[in-house]
Amino acid sequence: MKKLFLFLLFSVSLTAQKTETINFKQNIKDIKSLTKSLTLIDNRSNKEIGKVTQKNGEVEIKFAYDDLNTFVQNWFLDDNKQKGNNDIVVMLEDLKVYNEQSPNDKYMFGKAKIKISSFIKRNDRYYFINRFDNVIINDPRNKSGVARFLAQSISDIITGFITASYTNSVLSYYIPEKELNNYDAYLSNNYKAFNNSDLKDGVYLNFKSFYTQEPAPDYHLNKNKKGKVTSIKNRDDLSISYAGTFCYVDQGKAYKFTPSGFKEMIKDSKGFYIVTSRDQIFAENKSGGIIIGAMAGGLVGAAIGAAIDSGSNRGSVKGFGYRSATISNVYIDSLTGTYVFQK
């Protein structure tokens, strides 16, 4: 009987070890003391995060907290004794972990899909601050720590996203409270590049100018006899670095600059995308991961009064993941100009 009890106890122990928790132990201090409150809206249709497979079996990933909103509010209060005037709302829209192997992949990857957005609340009006919408990939060589890597990545991304939201630029268009859950479609009405049937030819130095369809004045494309773009020149007829541009539009077609050259931006019902991979468009950093910067495309924002430091990009969010060679449609976020990986 004693042996049976110990066996059952050991079995329960093994079962308990098949869970990896997402803990938030980092500091979320607002160093400029601009923020008065932080509220989280958990807008996920399914609150289960999911499971991934690693060397020792299947592991479920969960939050370490039953009431995530209460935890986030207390987390903010604990780290911010001196407060400002801004009420910030963070919306968790999607969070899933899963295994996936695309047709052109050699490996089965452990992945985490996360979509999170933030707003400043003014009475019953909400002003968009930022959004992180991406898939994070585990390095396939990390066979025994898949769940731990993804759980820590989720924690780091949410923490970094919150602290970046304190000082990032804010869209000047407001969202009525009743439209908050539909904010993307609501704000898309102001997206000229998406709503207009034709794109204006010219050079766009940042995403904001492409969003508003206002090409840089006095910048032009230099082409060879075959019509291929060979350089971009400014008002002084001097060639400028491609890296200093967001894209150019030639004969109604947009071309996005990437480290592997300009790629055509194709438009569908979701927005603009390029066909590429992480390996092609991101340089490897010292830790062997990729960096997805929240400011990569230039925010489309205008500060509300003096509430936000609109010129700062020091709060860019970093999302780390394996630099896979998976080719897919990589969208350009319609509100931030950043890459949105779906694979």
Protein backbone atom coordinates (compact mmCIF):
# COMPACT_ATOMS: atom_id res chain seq x y z
CA MET A 1 0.00 0.00 0.00
CA LYS A 2 2.84 2.36 0.92
CA LYS A 3 4.61 1.62 -2.38
CA LEU A 4 1.38 2.29 -4.28
CA PHE A 5 0.96 5.63 -2.49
CA LEU A 6 4.55 6.64 -3.31
CA PHE A 7 4.05 5.61 -6.94
CA LEU A 8 0.88 7.71 -7.20
CA LEU A 9 2.62 10.64 -5.50
CA PHE A 10 5.53 10.35 -7.94
CA SER A 11 3.10 10.20 -10.88
CA VAL A 12 1.31 13.35 -9.70
CA SER A 13 4.69 15.06 -9.30
CA LEU A 14 5.64 14.20 -12.87
CA THR A 15 2.31 15.52 -14.11
CA ALA A 16 2.79 18.79 -12.21
CA GLN A 17 6.15 19.29 -13.89
CA LYS A 18 4.45 19.41 -17.30
CA THR A 19 3.43 23.06 -16.74
CA GLU A 20 5.53 26.16 -17.39
CA THR A 21 4.27 29.42 -15.90
CA ILE A 22 4.59 32.96 -17.23
CA ASN A 23 5.81 35.13 -14.38
CA PHE A 24 6.30 38.89 -14.39
CA LYS A 25 9.24 39.65 -12.12
CA GLN A 26 10.64 42.62 -14.03
CA ASN A 27 10.29 46.26 -13.04
CA ILE A 28 7.71 48.39 -14.90
CA LYS A 29 8.61 51.76 -13.42
CA ASP A 30 7.59 54.81 -15.43
CA ILE A 31 10.82 56.77 -15.08
CA LYS A 32 9.16 60.02 -16.21
CA SER A 33 6.19 59.54 -13.85
CA LEU A 34 3.68 60.36 -16.57
CA THR A 35 1.25 57.53 -15.80
CA LYS A 36 -1.49 57.52 -13.17
CA SER A 37 -2.98 54.06 -13.74
CA LEU A 38 -2.45 50.90 -15.76
CA THR A 39 -5.38 48.65 -16.68
CA LEU A 40 -5.27 45.40 -18.59
CA ILE A 41 -8.18 44.16 -20.71
CA ASP A 42 -7.90 40.48 -21.47
CA ASN A 43 -9.73 40.33 -24.79
CA ARG A 44 -8.72 36.79 -25.74
CA SER A 45 -11.62 34.67 -26.92
CA ASN A 46 -9.89 31.58 -25.48
CA LYS A 47 -7.98 32.03 -22.23
CA GLU A 48 -6.01 28.78 -22.64
CA ILE A 49 -2.53 29.58 -23.92
CA GLY A 50 -1.68 26.13 -25.22
CA LYS A 51 0.98 23.41 -25.19
CA VAL A 52 4.31 22.81 -26.91
CA THR A 53 6.38 19.68 -27.35
CA GLN A 54 9.93 19.43 -26.10
CA LYS A 55 12.45 16.69 -25.45
CA ASN A 56 10.77 15.41 -22.27
CA GLY A 57 7.21 15.58 -23.59
CA GLU A 58 4.33 18.01 -23.93
CA VAL A 59 4.28 21.09 -21.69
CA GLU A 60 1.37 23.44 -21.06
CA ILE A 61 2.11 27.15 -20.64
CA LYS A 62 -0.04 29.18 -18.24
CA PHE A 63 -0.02 32.54 -16.50
CA ALA A 64 1.07 32.31 -12.88
CA TYR A 65 -1.89 34.51 -11.91
CA ASP A 66 -5.61 33.72 -11.91
CA ASP A 67 -6.71 37.36 -12.18
CA LEU A 68 -4.34 38.95 -14.67
CA ASN A 69 -5.93 42.40 -14.59
CA THR A 70 -5.70 42.69 -10.80
CA PHE A 71 -2.10 41.51 -10.88
CA VAL A 72 -1.13 44.10 -13.54
CA GLN A 73 -2.78 46.93 -11.60
CA ASN A 74 -0.96 45.94 -8.39
CA TRP A 75 2.29 45.40 -10.30
CA PHE A 76 2.09 48.98 -11.58
CA LEU A 77 1.23 50.39 -8.14
CA ASP A 78 4.13 48.53 -6.49
CA ASP A 79 6.67 49.85 -9.01
CA ASN A 80 5.29 53.40 -9.32
CA LYS A 81 4.90 55.38 -6.12
CA GLN A 82 5.10 58.71 -7.94
CA LYS A 83 2.37 59.06 -10.55
CA GLY A 84 1.36 61.34 -13.40
CA ASN A 85 -1.92 62.05 -15.19
CA ASN A 86 -2.18 59.40 -17.90
CA ASP A 87 -4.53 56.43 -17.68
CA ILE A 88 -3.07 53.68 -19.85
CA VAL A 89 -5.09 50.69 -21.03
CA VAL A 90 -3.31 47.60 -22.34
CA MET A 91 -5.36 45.14 -24.35
CA LEU A 92 -4.20 41.53 -24.66
CA GLU A 93 -5.84 40.44 -27.91
CA ASP A 94 -4.21 37.11 -28.63
CA LEU A 95 -1.77 34.74 -26.94
CA LYS A 96 -1.17 31.18 -28.11
CA VAL A 97 1.70 28.70 -28.01
CA TYR A 98 1.82 25.75 -30.40
CA ASN A 99 3.97 23.51 -32.57
CA GLU A 100 4.15 24.21 -36.28
CA GLN A 101 6.11 23.02 -39.28
CA SER A 102 5.58 24.95 -42.49
CA PRO A 103 5.89 23.13 -45.83
CA ASN A 104 9.32 24.65 -46.54
CA ASP A 105 10.67 24.09 -43.00
CA LYS A 106 13.08 21.34 -41.97
CA TYR A 107 12.00 21.45 -38.33
CA MET A 108 8.94 21.48 -36.11
CA PHE A 109 9.10 24.80 -34.26
CA GLY A 110 7.69 25.73 -30.89
CA LYS A 111 5.98 29.10 -31.41
CA ALA A 112 4.18 31.81 -29.49
CA LYS A 113 1.68 34.12 -31.16
CA ILE A 114 1.15 37.36 -29.24
CA LYS A 115 -0.89 40.43 -30.06
CA ILE A 116 -1.09 43.26 -27.57
CA SER A 117 -2.03 46.93 -27.93
CA SER A 118 -2.07 50.01 -25.72
CA PHE A 119 -4.09 53.22 -25.45
CA ILE A 120 -4.35 56.39 -23.42
CA LYS A 121 -7.83 56.88 -22.01
CA ARG A 122 -9.35 60.36 -21.83
CA ASN A 123 -12.88 60.10 -20.41
CA ASP A 124 -14.71 57.87 -22.94
CA ARG A 125 -12.10 58.38 -25.68
CA TYR A 126 -9.13 56.15 -26.36
CA TYR A 127 -5.98 57.17 -28.24
CA PHE A 128 -3.87 54.43 -29.78
CA ILE A 129 -0.28 54.23 -28.54
CA ASN A 130 1.30 51.06 -29.83
CA ARG A 131 0.86 47.45 -30.87
CA PHE A 132 2.98 44.30 -30.85
CA ASP A 133 1.70 41.60 -33.18
CA ASN A 134 4.07 38.77 -33.96
CA VAL A 135 5.01 35.11 -33.79
CA ILE A 136 8.07 34.22 -31.70
CA ILE A 137 9.99 31.09 -32.70
CA ASN A 138 12.10 28.83 -30.53
CA ASP A 139 15.53 27.82 -31.82
CA PRO A 140 15.07 24.17 -32.94
CA ARG A 141 18.40 23.29 -31.28
CA ASN A 142 16.81 24.16 -27.93
CA LYS A 143 14.90 20.88 -27.66
CA SER A 144 14.64 20.66 -23.88
CA GLY A 145 13.75 24.26 -23.00
CA VAL A 146 11.07 25.17 -25.54
CA ALA A 147 8.37 26.02 -22.99
CA ARG A 148 10.77 27.94 -20.74
CA PHE A 149 12.04 30.03 -23.67
CA LEU A 150 8.55 30.90 -24.91
CA ALA A 151 7.22 31.68 -21.41
CA GLN A 152 10.17 33.99 -20.72
CA SER A 153 9.83 35.63 -24.15
CA ILE A 154 6.15 36.33 -23.49
CA SER A 155 7.03 37.85 -20.11
CA ASP A 156 9.79 40.01 -21.61
CA ILE A 157 7.63 41.23 -24.50
CA ILE A 158 4.66 42.21 -22.32
CA THR A 159 6.94 43.91 -19.81
CA GLY A 160 8.83 45.79 -22.51
CA PHE A 161 5.61 46.72 -24.24
CA ILE A 162 4.15 48.24 -21.06
CA THR A 163 7.23 50.34 -20.31
CA ALA A 164 7.45 51.50 -23.95
CA SER A 165 3.80 52.59 -23.82
CA TYR A 166 4.54 55.17 -21.12
CA THR A 167 6.40 57.44 -23.56
CA ASN A 168 5.61 56.32 -27.12
CA SER A 169 3.82 58.61 -29.56
CA VAL A 170 0.04 58.66 -29.67
CA LEU A 171 -2.30 58.71 -32.67
CA SER A 172 -4.19 61.99 -32.90
CA TYR A 173 -7.39 60.17 -33.98
CA TYR A 174 -9.47 59.04 -31.03
CA ILE A 175 -11.50 55.85 -30.66
CA PRO A 176 -14.91 56.03 -28.93
CA GLU A 177 -15.24 53.62 -26.04
CA LYS A 178 -17.90 51.59 -27.86
CA GLU A 179 -15.45 51.04 -30.76
CA LEU A 180 -12.45 49.99 -28.66
CA ASN A 181 -12.79 46.28 -29.42
CA ASN A 182 -13.00 47.20 -33.09
CA TYR A 183 -10.23 49.83 -32.99
CA ASP A 184 -8.24 48.44 -35.95
CA ALA A 185 -11.12 48.69 -38.43
CA TYR A 186 -12.19 52.02 -36.95
CA LEU A 187 -8.76 53.61 -37.38
CA SER A 188 -8.32 52.10 -40.84
CA ASN A 189 -10.76 54.68 -42.16
CA ASN A 190 -7.89 57.18 -41.86
CA TYR A 191 -5.40 54.93 -43.64
CA LYS A 192 -5.12 56.61 -47.06
CA ALA A 193 -2.53 54.18 -48.43
CA PHE A 194 -4.94 51.31 -47.79
CA ASN A 195 -8.22 52.98 -48.71
CA ASN A 196 -7.14 54.83 -51.84
CA SER A 197 -7.23 52.77 -55.03
CA ASP A 198 -4.00 54.32 -56.31
CA LEU A 199 -0.73 55.08 -54.55
CA LYS A 200 1.15 58.31 -55.21
CA ASP A 201 4.51 57.85 -56.91
CA GLY A 202 7.48 59.13 -54.94
CA VAL A 203 9.86 58.48 -52.07
CA TYR A 204 8.55 57.90 -48.54
CA LEU A 205 11.09 58.44 -45.79
CA ASN A 206 8.99 56.87 -43.02
CA PHE A 207 5.81 54.92 -42.50
CA LYS A 208 3.84 57.97 -41.39
CA SER A 209 4.31 59.66 -44.76
CA PHE A 210 3.31 56.46 -46.59
CA TYR A 211 0.27 56.11 -44.33
CA THR A 212 -0.88 59.63 -45.21
CA GLN A 213 0.29 59.34 -48.86
CA GLU A 214 2.59 62.35 -48.64
CA PRO A 215 5.83 61.55 -50.52
CA ALA A 216 8.94 63.52 -49.59
CA PRO A 217 9.11 66.71 -51.69
CA ASP A 218 12.09 67.11 -54.01
CA TYR A 219 13.16 63.46 -53.65
CA HIS A 220 13.24 61.42 -56.81
CA LEU A 221 14.23 58.04 -58.24
CA ASN A 222 17.21 57.64 -60.51
CA LYS A 223 16.83 54.86 -63.11
CA ASN A 224 19.02 53.21 -65.72
CA LYS A 225 18.09 52.71 -69.38
CA LYS A 226 16.18 49.53 -68.51
CA GLY A 227 13.99 51.43 -66.05
CA LYS A 228 15.55 49.85 -62.95
CA VAL A 229 15.94 52.09 -59.91
CA THR A 230 19.65 52.63 -59.28
CA SER A 231 19.52 55.29 -56.57
CA ILE A 232 17.33 57.72 -54.67
CA LYS A 233 18.29 61.38 -54.76
CA ASN A 234 17.37 64.34 -52.60
CA ARG A 235 16.63 67.95 -53.47
CA ASP A 236 20.34 68.62 -53.94
CA ASP A 237 20.52 65.74 -56.43
CA LEU A 238 22.68 63.77 -54.00
CA SER A 239 22.16 60.03 -53.55
CA ILE A 240 20.82 59.02 -50.15
CA SER A 241 21.08 55.72 -48.33
CA TYR A 242 18.26 53.28 -49.04
CA ALA A 243 18.24 52.55 -45.32
CA GLY A 244 17.05 56.12 -44.76
CA THR A 245 13.79 55.40 -46.57
CA PHE A 246 10.68 53.41 -45.75
CA CYS A 247 9.66 52.67 -49.34
CA TYR A 248 9.18 54.18 -52.74
CA VAL A 249 6.23 54.03 -55.13
CA ASP A 250 6.88 53.74 -58.84
CA GLN A 251 4.07 53.53 -61.41
CA GLY A 252 1.59 52.87 -58.62
CA LYS A 253 3.55 49.98 -57.03
CA ALA A 254 5.19 50.24 -53.62
CA TYR A 255 8.61 48.75 -52.83
CA LYS A 256 9.80 48.30 -49.24
CA PHE A 257 13.48 48.53 -48.39
CA THR A 258 14.98 45.45 -46.69
CA PRO A 259 18.61 44.40 -46.12
CA SER A 260 18.20 41.97 -49.02
CA GLY A 261 16.94 44.68 -51.38
CA PHE A 262 13.63 46.32 -52.20
CA LYS A 263 10.62 44.03 -52.15
CA GLU A 264 7.24 44.77 -53.66
CA MET A 265 4.50 45.57 -51.17
CA ILE A 266 1.38 43.67 -52.20
CA LYS A 267 -2.05 44.75 -50.95
CA ASP A 268 -4.92 42.45 -49.96
CA SER A 269 -7.89 42.70 -47.58
CA LYS A 270 -5.56 42.65 -44.55
CA GLY A 271 -3.22 45.38 -45.75
CA PHE A 272 0.23 45.45 -47.33
CA TYR A 273 2.70 42.57 -47.18
CA ILE A 274 6.03 41.46 -48.63
CA VAL A 275 7.05 37.86 -49.33
CA THR A 276 10.17 37.21 -47.28
CA SER A 277 11.61 35.53 -44.18
CA ARG A 278 13.18 36.57 -40.91
CA ASP A 279 16.53 35.38 -42.17
CA GLN A 280 16.34 37.76 -45.13
CA ILE A 281 15.28 40.94 -43.36
CA PHE A 282 16.87 40.83 -39.91
CA ALA A 283 20.52 40.94 -39.01
CA GLU A 284 21.64 38.62 -36.23
CA ASN A 285 22.35 40.26 -32.91
CA LYS A 286 24.88 39.14 -30.31
CA SER A 287 22.44 36.76 -28.63
CA GLY A 288 21.64 35.01 -31.92
CA GLY A 289 18.04 36.23 -32.05
CA ILE A 290 16.14 38.79 -34.07
CA ILE A 291 14.93 42.17 -33.00
CA ILE A 292 11.51 43.46 -33.96
CA GLY A 293 11.52 47.15 -33.06
CA ALA A 294 8.29 48.93 -32.31
CA MET A 295 9.68 52.02 -33.99
CA ALA A 296 11.08 50.24 -37.05
CA GLY A 297 8.70 51.88 -39.49
CA GLY A 298 8.15 55.17 -37.70
CA LEU A 299 5.03 55.63 -35.59
CA VAL A 300 2.04 57.40 -37.09
CA GLY A 301 1.44 59.43 -34.00
CA ALA A 302 1.00 62.96 -32.76
CA ALA A 303 1.33 63.70 -29.05
CA ILE A 304 -1.76 64.73 -27.08
CA GLY A 305 -0.72 67.99 -25.46
CA ALA A 306 2.46 67.45 -23.49
CA ALA A 307 1.41 64.08 -22.13
CA ILE A 308 3.78 62.01 -24.23
CA ASP A 309 7.34 62.50 -25.42
CA SER A 310 6.44 62.18 -29.11
CA GLY A 311 10.00 62.40 -30.36
CA SER A 312 11.35 59.49 -28.36
CA ASN A 313 12.05 56.05 -29.77
CA ARG A 314 14.04 54.84 -26.81
CA GLY A 315 11.16 52.65 -25.65
CA SER A 316 11.15 50.36 -28.65
CA VAL A 317 9.93 46.86 -27.86
CA LYS A 318 12.20 43.96 -28.71
CA GLY A 319 10.78 40.60 -29.68
CA PHE A 320 13.31 37.81 -29.83
CA GLY A 321 13.02 34.65 -31.83
CA TYR A 322 14.94 32.26 -34.02
CA ARG A 323 15.99 33.67 -37.41
CA SER A 324 14.17 31.05 -39.44
CA ALA A 325 14.28 30.87 -43.24
CA THR A 326 10.51 30.28 -43.46
CA ILE A 327 9.14 32.19 -46.45
CA SER A 328 5.72 33.72 -45.83
CA ASN A 329 3.58 36.80 -46.31
CA VAL A 330 4.99 39.30 -43.82
CA TYR A 331 2.51 42.13 -43.27
CA ILE A 332 3.31 45.76 -42.56
CA ASP A 333 1.34 46.75 -39.48
CA SER A 334 -1.24 49.30 -40.61
CA LEU A 335 -0.83 51.36 -37.43
CA THR A 336 2.87 51.11 -36.61
CA GLY A 337 4.65 50.23 -39.85
CA THR A 338 6.43 47.26 -38.27
CA TYR A 339 6.70 43.73 -39.62
CA VAL A 340 3.99 41.26 -38.60
CA PHE A 341 5.14 37.67 -38.90
CA GLN A 342 2.45 35.00 -39.06
CA LYS A 343 4.75 31.99 -39.39
